[in-house]
Amino acid sequence: MADELPTRDQALSHAVRLLHWAEAETDLAKMERVTELADVWAGIAGLQGEHREV
């Protein structure tokens, strides 16, 4: 279902995958955009971790 939020593990997995992609990217602008996306997924994982603790 599209309305479901990703789990913390899913968000971390997306972040790691994007960081690996950014690491291999030779276009600096693209690398920066992919890294920003990875940061967003890491932030989502952090929020999911906080939500779990509440």
C-alpha atoms as a PDB file:
ATOM      1  CA  MET A   1       0.000   0.000   0.000  1.00  0.00           C
ATOM      2  CA  ALA A   2       1.396   3.411  -0.945  1.00  0.00           C
ATOM      3  CA  ASP A   3       0.247   5.043   2.307  1.00  0.00           C
ATOM      4  CA  GLU A   4       2.460   2.852   4.490  1.00  0.00           C
ATOM      5  CA  LEU A   5       5.608   4.385   5.903  1.00  0.00           C
ATOM      6  CA  PRO A   6       8.876   2.548   5.373  1.00  0.00           C
ATOM      7  CA  THR A   7      10.331   0.760   8.359  1.00  0.00           C
ATOM      8  CA  ARG A   8      13.556   2.007   9.903  1.00  0.00           C
ATOM      9  CA  ASP A   9      15.451  -0.874   8.281  1.00  0.00           C
ATOM     10  CA  GLN A  10      13.957  -0.128   4.859  1.00  0.00           C
ATOM     11  CA  ALA A  11      14.885   3.547   5.143  1.00  0.00           C
ATOM     12  CA  LEU A  12      18.443   2.670   6.178  1.00  0.00           C
ATOM     13  CA  SER A  13      18.682   0.217   3.300  1.00  0.00           C
ATOM     14  CA  HIS A  14      17.645   2.935   0.844  1.00  0.00           C
ATOM     15  CA  ALA A  15      20.193   5.346   2.344  1.00  0.00           C
ATOM     16  CA  VAL A  16      23.017   2.811   2.080  1.00  0.00           C
ATOM     17  CA  ARG A  17      22.096   1.915  -1.507  1.00  0.00           C
ATOM     18  CA  LEU A  18      22.080   5.589  -2.483  1.00  0.00           C
ATOM     19  CA  LEU A  19      25.408   6.257  -0.769  1.00  0.00           C
ATOM     20  CA  HIS A  20      26.990   3.362  -2.670  1.00  0.00           C
ATOM     21  CA  TRP A  21      25.575   4.814  -5.886  1.00  0.00           C
ATOM     22  CA  ALA A  22      26.906   8.279  -5.019  1.00  0.00           C
ATOM     23  CA  GLU A  23      30.322   6.815  -4.256  1.00  0.00           C
ATOM     24  CA  ALA A  24      30.514   5.349  -7.761  1.00  0.00           C
ATOM     25  CA  GLU A  25      29.143   8.453  -9.509  1.00  0.00           C
ATOM     26  CA  THR A  26      31.631  10.520 -11.517  1.00  0.00           C
ATOM     27  CA  ASP A  27      29.318  13.486 -12.147  1.00  0.00           C
ATOM     28  CA  LEU A  28      29.752  15.754  -9.098  1.00  0.00           C
ATOM     29  CA  ALA A  29      26.325  17.385  -9.368  1.00  0.00           C
ATOM     30  CA  LYS A  30      24.626  13.994  -9.602  1.00  0.00           C
ATOM     31  CA  MET A  31      26.704  12.665  -6.715  1.00  0.00           C
ATOM     32  CA  GLU A  32      25.615  15.584  -4.533  1.00  0.00           C
ATOM     33  CA  ARG A  33      21.926  15.066  -5.366  1.00  0.00           C
ATOM     34  CA  VAL A  34      22.112  11.349  -4.635  1.00  0.00           C
ATOM     35  CA  THR A  35      23.898  12.073  -1.350  1.00  0.00           C
ATOM     36  CA  GLU A  36      21.124  14.511  -0.420  1.00  0.00           C
ATOM     37  CA  LEU A  37      18.542  11.801  -1.098  1.00  0.00           C
ATOM     38  CA  ALA A  38      20.516   9.419   1.102  1.00  0.00           C
ATOM     39  CA  ASP A  39      20.466  12.048   3.860  1.00  0.00           C
ATOM     40  CA  VAL A  40      16.679  12.252   3.565  1.00  0.00           C
ATOM     41  CA  TRP A  41      16.349   8.477   3.938  1.00  0.00           C
ATOM     42  CA  ALA A  42      18.723   8.526   6.918  1.00  0.00           C
ATOM     43  CA  GLY A  43      16.537  11.231   8.459  1.00  0.00           C
ATOM     44  CA  ILE A  44      13.437   9.109   7.912  1.00  0.00           C
ATOM     45  CA  ALA A  45      15.199   6.190   9.599  1.00  0.00           C
ATOM     46  CA  GLY A  46      16.041   8.451  12.533  1.00  0.00           C
ATOM     47  CA  LEU A  47      12.432   9.567  12.847  1.00  0.00           C
ATOM     48  CA  GLN A  48      11.258   5.964  12.712  1.00  0.00           C
ATOM     49  CA  GLY A  49      13.724   5.130  15.499  1.00  0.00           C
ATOM     50  CA  GLU A  50      12.379   7.995  17.613  1.00  0.00           C
ATOM     51  CA  HIS A  51       8.791   6.951  16.885  1.00  0.00           C
ATOM     52  CA  ARG A  52       9.584   3.411  18.020  1.00  0.00           C
ATOM     53  CA  GLU A  53      10.943   4.703  21.360  1.00  0.00           C
ATOM     54  CA  VAL A  54       7.846   6.803  22.171  1.00  0.00           C
END
